[in-house]
């Protein structure tokens, strides 16, 4: 099954230099995969929510799907934007969710968008 990026999404991601920013974040926060002490294996949900709060974001934890829903923006009648953040297996995965006029426009992990922009 192939996944195609909507042309208007591609234009926006290219305009904000998404791939460059994604690579920089990945390089800056890449740990040593062989160092088990460098992994966040267990975390306290309340402590993570407190960190998001200190950073200025509202967050909730979805116990069923095991992700944090962070930063709902509902000040626009046409858009809702947030991140689902998964902390699992010592890794962090960002899933960007964007609804426009009640239609999902984005809803995949950042790694998917970077791959589609690098190798369409």
Protein backbone atom coordinates (compact mmCIF):
# COMPACT_ATOMS: atom_id res chain seq x y z
CA UNK A 1 0.00 0.00 0.00
CA UNK A 2 1.52 3.31 -1.01
CA UNK A 3 0.96 6.54 0.82
CA UNK A 4 0.93 9.80 -1.09
CA UNK A 5 1.30 13.21 0.41
CA UNK A 6 -1.28 15.78 -0.57
CA UNK A 7 0.38 18.40 -2.81
CA UNK A 8 -0.60 21.33 -0.58
CA UNK A 9 0.94 19.57 2.44
CA UNK A 10 4.16 18.95 0.52
CA UNK A 11 4.41 22.63 -0.42
CA UNK A 12 3.98 23.73 3.20
CA UNK A 13 6.49 21.20 4.56
CA UNK A 14 9.05 22.21 1.93
CA UNK A 15 8.45 25.89 2.69
CA UNK A 16 9.22 25.39 6.40
CA UNK A 17 12.26 23.21 5.53
CA UNK A 18 10.75 20.27 7.40
CA UNK A 19 13.39 17.74 6.33
CA UNK A 20 16.29 19.97 7.44
CA UNK A 21 14.64 20.60 10.79
CA UNK A 22 13.75 16.93 11.24
CA UNK A 23 17.34 15.87 10.52
CA UNK A 24 18.73 18.47 12.92
CA UNK A 25 16.42 17.36 15.74
CA UNK A 26 17.26 13.73 15.06
CA UNK A 27 20.99 14.43 15.15
CA UNK A 28 20.79 16.61 18.27
CA UNK A 29 18.83 14.08 20.28
CA UNK A 30 20.15 10.81 18.92
CA UNK A 31 21.39 8.68 21.77
CA UNK A 32 23.69 5.71 21.70
CA UNK A 33 21.43 2.76 20.77
CA UNK A 34 23.82 0.39 22.55
CA UNK A 35 23.73 2.32 25.86
CA UNK A 36 20.77 0.92 27.78
CA UNK A 37 21.26 3.57 30.47
CA UNK A 38 20.62 6.28 27.87
CA UNK A 39 17.02 5.19 27.31
CA UNK A 40 13.81 6.35 28.88
CA UNK A 41 12.23 2.97 29.54
CA UNK A 42 9.72 3.89 32.23
CA UNK A 43 8.10 7.23 32.89
CA UNK A 44 5.54 8.69 35.24
CA UNK A 45 2.54 9.95 33.27
CA UNK A 46 1.86 12.75 35.74
CA UNK A 47 5.48 13.94 35.62
CA UNK A 48 5.43 14.00 31.82
CA UNK A 49 2.14 15.95 31.86
CA UNK A 50 3.72 18.40 34.35
CA UNK A 51 6.68 18.93 32.00
CA UNK A 52 4.30 19.72 29.13
CA UNK A 53 2.41 22.11 31.41
CA UNK A 54 5.64 23.93 32.38
CA UNK A 55 6.41 24.25 28.67
CA UNK A 56 3.02 25.91 28.19
CA UNK A 57 1.10 23.01 26.65
CA UNK A 58 -2.04 21.23 27.73
CA UNK A 59 -1.66 17.46 27.53
CA UNK A 60 -3.72 14.37 28.17
CA UNK A 61 -2.68 10.74 28.16
CA UNK A 62 -4.61 8.18 26.12
CA UNK A 63 -4.32 5.01 28.22
CA UNK A 64 -5.70 2.73 25.52
CA UNK A 65 -3.35 3.87 22.73
CA UNK A 66 -0.51 4.88 25.12
CA UNK A 67 0.27 8.36 23.80
CA UNK A 68 0.19 11.93 25.03
CA UNK A 69 -2.09 14.31 23.14
CA UNK A 70 -0.38 17.68 23.34
CA UNK A 71 -1.20 21.23 22.31
CA UNK A 72 -4.73 21.25 20.95
CA UNK A 73 -5.19 24.52 19.10
CA UNK A 74 -8.84 25.38 18.69
CA UNK A 75 -8.71 29.13 18.13
CA UNK A 76 -9.52 28.75 14.44
CA UNK A 77 -12.94 27.79 13.15
CA UNK A 78 -11.30 25.75 10.37
CA UNK A 79 -8.29 24.05 12.00
CA UNK A 80 -7.45 21.79 14.91
CA UNK A 81 -3.78 20.96 15.40
CA UNK A 82 -2.02 18.80 17.97
CA UNK A 83 0.73 16.25 18.50
CA UNK A 84 0.39 12.71 19.66
CA UNK A 85 3.65 11.90 21.39
CA UNK A 86 4.60 8.30 22.07
CA UNK A 87 7.32 7.52 24.62
CA UNK A 88 8.08 3.85 24.20
CA UNK A 89 11.07 1.52 23.94
CA UNK A 90 13.42 4.36 24.85
CA UNK A 91 12.30 6.42 21.85
CA UNK A 92 10.06 9.40 21.21
CA UNK A 93 7.72 9.43 18.24
CA UNK A 94 5.93 12.59 17.11
CA UNK A 95 2.65 12.26 15.26
CA UNK A 96 1.39 15.51 13.82
CA UNK A 97 -2.41 15.69 13.62
CA UNK A 98 -4.12 18.43 11.61
CA UNK A 99 -7.81 18.69 10.84
CA UNK A 100 -9.07 21.25 8.34
CA UNK A 101 -12.85 21.67 8.12
CA UNK A 102 -13.27 18.36 10.01
CA UNK A 103 -11.09 16.50 7.48
CA UNK A 104 -7.80 14.90 8.52
CA UNK A 105 -5.00 16.60 6.60
CA UNK A 106 -2.03 15.19 8.55
CA UNK A 107 -1.99 12.24 10.89
CA UNK A 108 1.22 10.27 10.53
CA UNK A 109 4.58 10.16 12.33
CA UNK A 110 7.16 12.75 11.35
CA UNK A 111 9.36 9.99 9.97
CA UNK A 112 6.76 9.28 7.28
CA UNK A 113 6.75 12.89 6.07
CA UNK A 114 10.53 13.12 5.98
CA UNK A 115 10.75 9.87 3.96
CA UNK A 116 8.10 11.06 1.51
CA UNK A 117 9.91 14.36 1.00
CA UNK A 118 13.34 12.76 0.62
CA UNK A 119 12.31 9.81 -1.53
CA UNK A 120 8.77 10.31 -2.92
